[in-house]
C-alpha cells in the first residue's frame, strides 16, 4: 500500500485556473492544462467511454494507465468535489456526473456534514470533517491493501506533503503559463529531501516529474 498523488500543474506551478464563468464553469485555461491527459487513449476509454481506439499512446498514455492502477480509495477536498460552488443546494452531486471515474470510496474533506453519496460505477462519496492523518486512516481501512490516492486540489495535496504522508508524488507539468491560481509548491522548500526523483518528457511537451520515497 502506498499513498499517492497525481497532479497536473502549469510551468509556473499552478494546479487551478481562475478564469471560470457561468457559461464556462471550468474556464478557458482548464482544457489547456489537462489537454495532453485528456487526449490519451486511456482517458478517452475510461472517461468518455470511447472504444474506437482513438487517442495518443505514448508516454502521456502510460501515465494515464498508471493513474488508476491499484487504487483502493481516494481523498479530495470540498473544492474538488464542488461543494464550494453549490454550498446550499442539497441536491448537488458534484462535478463528476452520475458515474464518476473513481470507482472506489472517496473521502471528501468538508466542514459540511451530509450523508454519504453512492454513485454508479462503484464510487461512494463520504463527507468527513477531520484532519489529514485521520482521513488517511479511514481511507486505508477500506482500500483493501491497495493504494490511497490524494486526488486534490493542490491545497489538500500540500497539506499531505507537509505532513510527510505521501509516498509517491507524480506531477505532470504542462508547458503553459497561467500566472494565477493556487500554486502547488508554496511553503514546500526542501520537499525533494528524502525522495528519489525521476523526470521524463512526453512528445506533448508535458514533463512527468516523479518523487518516490
Protein backbone atom coordinates (compact mmCIF):
# COMPACT_ATOMS: atom_id res chain seq x y z
CA UNK A 1 0.00 0.00 0.00
CA UNK A 2 1.26 3.47 -0.88
CA UNK A 3 -0.10 6.98 -0.54
CA UNK A 4 -0.02 8.57 -4.00
CA UNK A 5 -0.57 11.91 -5.67
CA UNK A 6 -1.03 12.54 -9.42
CA UNK A 7 -1.48 16.19 -10.29
CA UNK A 8 -1.29 18.41 -13.38
CA UNK A 9 0.27 21.85 -12.99
CA UNK A 10 1.45 24.67 -15.22
CA UNK A 11 5.07 25.69 -15.78
CA UNK A 12 4.65 28.34 -13.09
CA UNK A 13 3.30 25.77 -10.63
CA UNK A 14 -0.45 26.43 -10.64
CA UNK A 15 -2.85 23.49 -10.37
CA UNK A 16 -6.04 25.57 -10.59
CA UNK A 17 -7.45 28.10 -13.02
CA UNK A 18 -9.17 31.37 -12.20
CA UNK A 19 -10.99 32.28 -15.42
CA UNK A 20 -14.24 30.43 -14.76
CA UNK A 21 -17.53 31.98 -15.84
CA UNK A 22 -21.15 30.76 -15.57
CA UNK A 23 -21.02 29.83 -19.25
CA UNK A 24 -17.59 28.15 -18.98
CA UNK A 25 -17.57 26.76 -15.41
CA UNK A 26 -14.10 25.19 -15.68
CA UNK A 27 -12.59 28.15 -17.50
CA UNK A 28 -10.84 28.53 -20.84
CA UNK A 29 -7.48 27.59 -19.30
CA UNK A 30 -8.60 24.21 -17.96
CA UNK A 31 -8.60 22.36 -21.32
CA UNK A 32 -5.07 23.73 -21.90
CA UNK A 33 -3.90 22.44 -18.53
CA UNK A 34 -5.28 18.90 -18.92
CA UNK A 35 -5.21 18.65 -22.72
CA UNK A 36 -2.41 16.08 -23.09
CA UNK A 37 -4.00 13.80 -20.48
CA UNK A 38 -7.48 14.14 -21.99
CA UNK A 39 -6.06 13.25 -25.42
CA UNK A 40 -4.77 9.85 -24.34
CA UNK A 41 -6.43 6.63 -25.41
CA UNK A 42 -6.76 5.57 -21.77
CA UNK A 43 -8.57 8.75 -20.74
CA UNK A 44 -10.89 8.56 -23.76
CA UNK A 45 -11.78 4.96 -22.93
CA UNK A 46 -12.16 5.45 -19.19
CA UNK A 47 -13.94 8.80 -19.08
CA UNK A 48 -15.57 9.24 -22.50
CA UNK A 49 -16.30 5.50 -22.96
CA UNK A 50 -14.70 5.74 -26.41
CA UNK A 51 -13.90 2.20 -27.59
CA UNK A 52 -12.68 3.19 -31.05
CA UNK A 53 -9.00 3.12 -30.08
CA UNK A 54 -8.60 6.84 -30.74
CA UNK A 55 -6.16 8.84 -28.64
CA UNK A 56 -2.44 9.11 -28.01
CA UNK A 57 -0.50 6.03 -26.89
CA UNK A 58 2.89 7.49 -25.91
CA UNK A 59 4.34 8.44 -22.51
CA UNK A 60 1.30 10.50 -21.53
CA UNK A 61 -0.85 7.40 -22.02
CA UNK A 62 1.49 5.29 -19.88
CA UNK A 63 0.99 7.71 -17.01
CA UNK A 64 -2.75 7.79 -17.68
CA UNK A 65 -2.83 3.99 -17.31
CA UNK A 66 -0.90 4.22 -14.04
CA UNK A 67 -3.26 6.88 -12.70
CA UNK A 68 -5.98 4.47 -11.63
CA UNK A 69 -3.95 1.28 -11.31
CA UNK A 70 -4.15 -0.37 -7.87
CA UNK A 71 -6.11 2.49 -6.24
CA UNK A 72 -8.41 1.36 -3.45
CA UNK A 73 -9.60 4.70 -2.06
CA UNK A 74 -9.30 8.43 -2.72
CA UNK A 75 -9.20 11.61 -0.64
CA UNK A 76 -10.18 15.01 -2.02
CA UNK A 77 -11.07 18.47 -0.79
CA UNK A 78 -14.51 20.04 -0.80
CA UNK A 79 -13.49 22.28 -3.69
CA UNK A 80 -12.57 19.33 -5.91
CA UNK A 81 -15.97 17.79 -5.24
CA UNK A 82 -17.63 21.15 -5.91
CA UNK A 83 -19.19 21.93 -2.53
CA UNK A 84 -17.83 25.50 -2.58
CA UNK A 85 -19.73 26.21 -5.78
CA UNK A 86 -23.13 24.98 -4.59
CA UNK A 87 -22.96 25.15 -0.78
CA UNK A 88 -26.70 25.43 -0.19
CA UNK A 89 -28.01 23.01 -2.81
CA UNK A 90 -29.00 19.73 -1.09
CA UNK A 91 -29.30 18.02 -4.48
CA UNK A 92 -25.78 18.87 -5.68
CA UNK A 93 -23.97 15.63 -6.51
CA UNK A 94 -20.58 17.00 -7.54
CA UNK A 95 -18.83 17.77 -10.80
CA UNK A 96 -18.35 14.15 -11.74
CA UNK A 97 -21.65 13.10 -13.31
CA UNK A 98 -23.85 10.13 -12.48
CA UNK A 99 -20.95 7.68 -12.88
CA UNK A 100 -17.77 9.31 -11.51
CA UNK A 101 -14.44 7.99 -12.83
CA UNK A 102 -13.13 6.86 -9.43
CA UNK A 103 -14.82 3.51 -8.86
CA UNK A 104 -13.68 3.42 -5.22
CA UNK A 105 -14.68 5.01 -1.89
CA UNK A 106 -13.86 8.74 -1.95
CA UNK A 107 -13.42 10.72 1.28
CA UNK A 108 -14.29 14.41 0.85
CA UNK A 109 -12.73 16.72 3.45
CA UNK A 110 -15.51 19.13 4.31
CA UNK A 111 -16.78 21.13 7.28
CA UNK A 112 -20.30 20.48 5.99
CA UNK A 113 -21.71 17.21 7.22
CA UNK A 114 -24.04 15.28 4.92
CA UNK A 115 -24.93 11.66 4.21
CA UNK A 116 -22.67 9.53 2.05
CA UNK A 117 -23.49 9.65 -1.64
CA UNK A 118 -23.48 6.35 -3.53
CA UNK A 119 -22.99 6.71 -7.27
CA UNK A 120 -22.95 4.36 -10.25
CA UNK A 121 -19.74 2.53 -11.09
CA UNK A 122 -18.57 1.82 -7.56
CA UNK A 123 -17.93 5.36 -6.30
CA UNK A 124 -19.27 6.37 -2.89
CA UNK A 125 -18.52 9.86 -1.58
CA UNK A 126 -18.08 10.09 2.21
CA UNK A 127 -18.06 13.63 3.67
CA UNK A 128 -15.80 13.93 6.70
CA UNK A 129 -14.66 16.81 8.91
CA UNK A 130 -11.26 15.71 10.20
CA UNK A 131 -7.51 16.22 9.84
CA UNK A 132 -5.40 14.69 7.04
CA UNK A 133 -3.91 11.82 9.06
CA UNK A 134 -7.29 10.62 10.31
CA UNK A 135 -8.80 10.85 6.84
CA UNK A 136 -5.90 8.75 5.58
CA UNK A 137 -6.55 6.12 8.25
CA UNK A 138 -10.19 5.91 7.19
CA UNK A 139 -9.20 5.57 3.54
CA UNK A 140 -6.61 2.88 4.30
CA UNK A 141 -9.21 0.90 6.24
CA UNK A 142 -11.40 0.46 3.14
CA UNK A 143 -8.69 0.28 0.45
CA UNK A 144 -8.19 -3.49 0.91
CA UNK A 145 -4.42 -3.22 0.78
CA UNK A 146 -4.41 -1.10 -2.38
CA UNK A 147 -3.04 2.42 -2.71
CA UNK A 148 -4.73 5.56 -1.42
CA UNK A 149 -4.65 8.49 -3.83
CA UNK A 150 -4.73 12.08 -2.60
CA UNK A 151 -6.69 13.48 -5.52
CA UNK A 152 -6.55 17.21 -4.83
CA UNK A 153 -6.96 20.04 -5.06
CA UNK A 154 -3.49 21.48 -4.55
CA UNK A 155 -4.21 22.81 -1.05
CA UNK A 156 -5.14 19.33 0.17
CA UNK A 157 -2.14 17.79 -1.60
CA UNK A 158 0.14 20.37 0.01
CA UNK A 159 -1.25 19.53 3.46
CA UNK A 160 -0.38 15.85 2.95
CA UNK A 161 3.07 16.70 1.60
CA UNK A 162 3.80 18.98 4.56
CA UNK A 163 2.75 16.20 6.93
CA UNK A 164 5.14 13.74 5.24
CA UNK A 165 2.29 11.36 4.42
CA UNK A 166 2.92 10.96 0.67
CA UNK A 167 4.98 8.04 -0.66
CA UNK A 168 4.84 8.97 -4.34
CA UNK A 169 4.17 12.32 -5.96
CA UNK A 170 3.70 12.42 -9.74
CA UNK A 171 3.40 15.91 -11.22
CA UNK A 172 2.63 16.39 -14.91
CA UNK A 173 3.95 19.84 -15.82
CA UNK A 174 2.05 21.25 -18.80
CA UNK A 175 4.08 23.74 -20.88
CA UNK A 176 1.74 26.68 -20.37
CA UNK A 177 1.81 29.73 -18.08
CA UNK A 178 -1.29 30.50 -16.02
CA UNK A 179 0.00 33.39 -13.93
CA UNK A 180 -2.50 32.96 -11.11
CA UNK A 181 -4.42 30.37 -9.15
CA UNK A 182 -3.34 28.03 -6.35
CA UNK A 183 0.32 27.10 -6.60
CA UNK A 184 1.35 23.59 -5.56
CA UNK A 185 4.91 24.38 -4.43
CA UNK A 186 4.28 27.20 -1.95
CA UNK A 187 5.77 26.55 1.52
CA UNK A 188 7.35 23.25 0.39
CA UNK A 189 11.01 24.30 0.42
CA UNK A 190 13.24 21.21 0.64
CA UNK A 191 10.46 18.81 -0.35
CA UNK A 192 12.90 16.85 -2.52
CA UNK A 193 14.85 15.69 0.54
CA UNK A 194 14.22 12.00 1.14
CA UNK A 195 12.78 11.35 -2.32
CA UNK A 196 14.27 9.77 -5.43
CA UNK A 197 13.32 11.99 -8.36
CA UNK A 198 12.72 10.97 -11.97
CA UNK A 199 11.92 13.27 -14.89
CA UNK A 200 10.58 12.28 -18.33
CA UNK A 201 9.29 14.43 -21.18
CA UNK A 202 6.44 13.30 -23.42
CA UNK A 203 6.02 14.25 -27.11
CA UNK A 204 3.28 16.67 -25.98
CA UNK A 205 5.92 18.65 -24.10
CA UNK A 206 4.49 17.55 -20.75
CA UNK A 207 7.20 16.94 -18.16
CA UNK A 208 6.39 13.99 -15.90
CA UNK A 209 8.18 14.53 -12.60
CA UNK A 210 8.01 11.72 -10.02
CA UNK A 211 9.12 11.93 -6.38
CA UNK A 212 9.33 8.49 -4.77
CA UNK A 213 10.40 7.52 -1.24
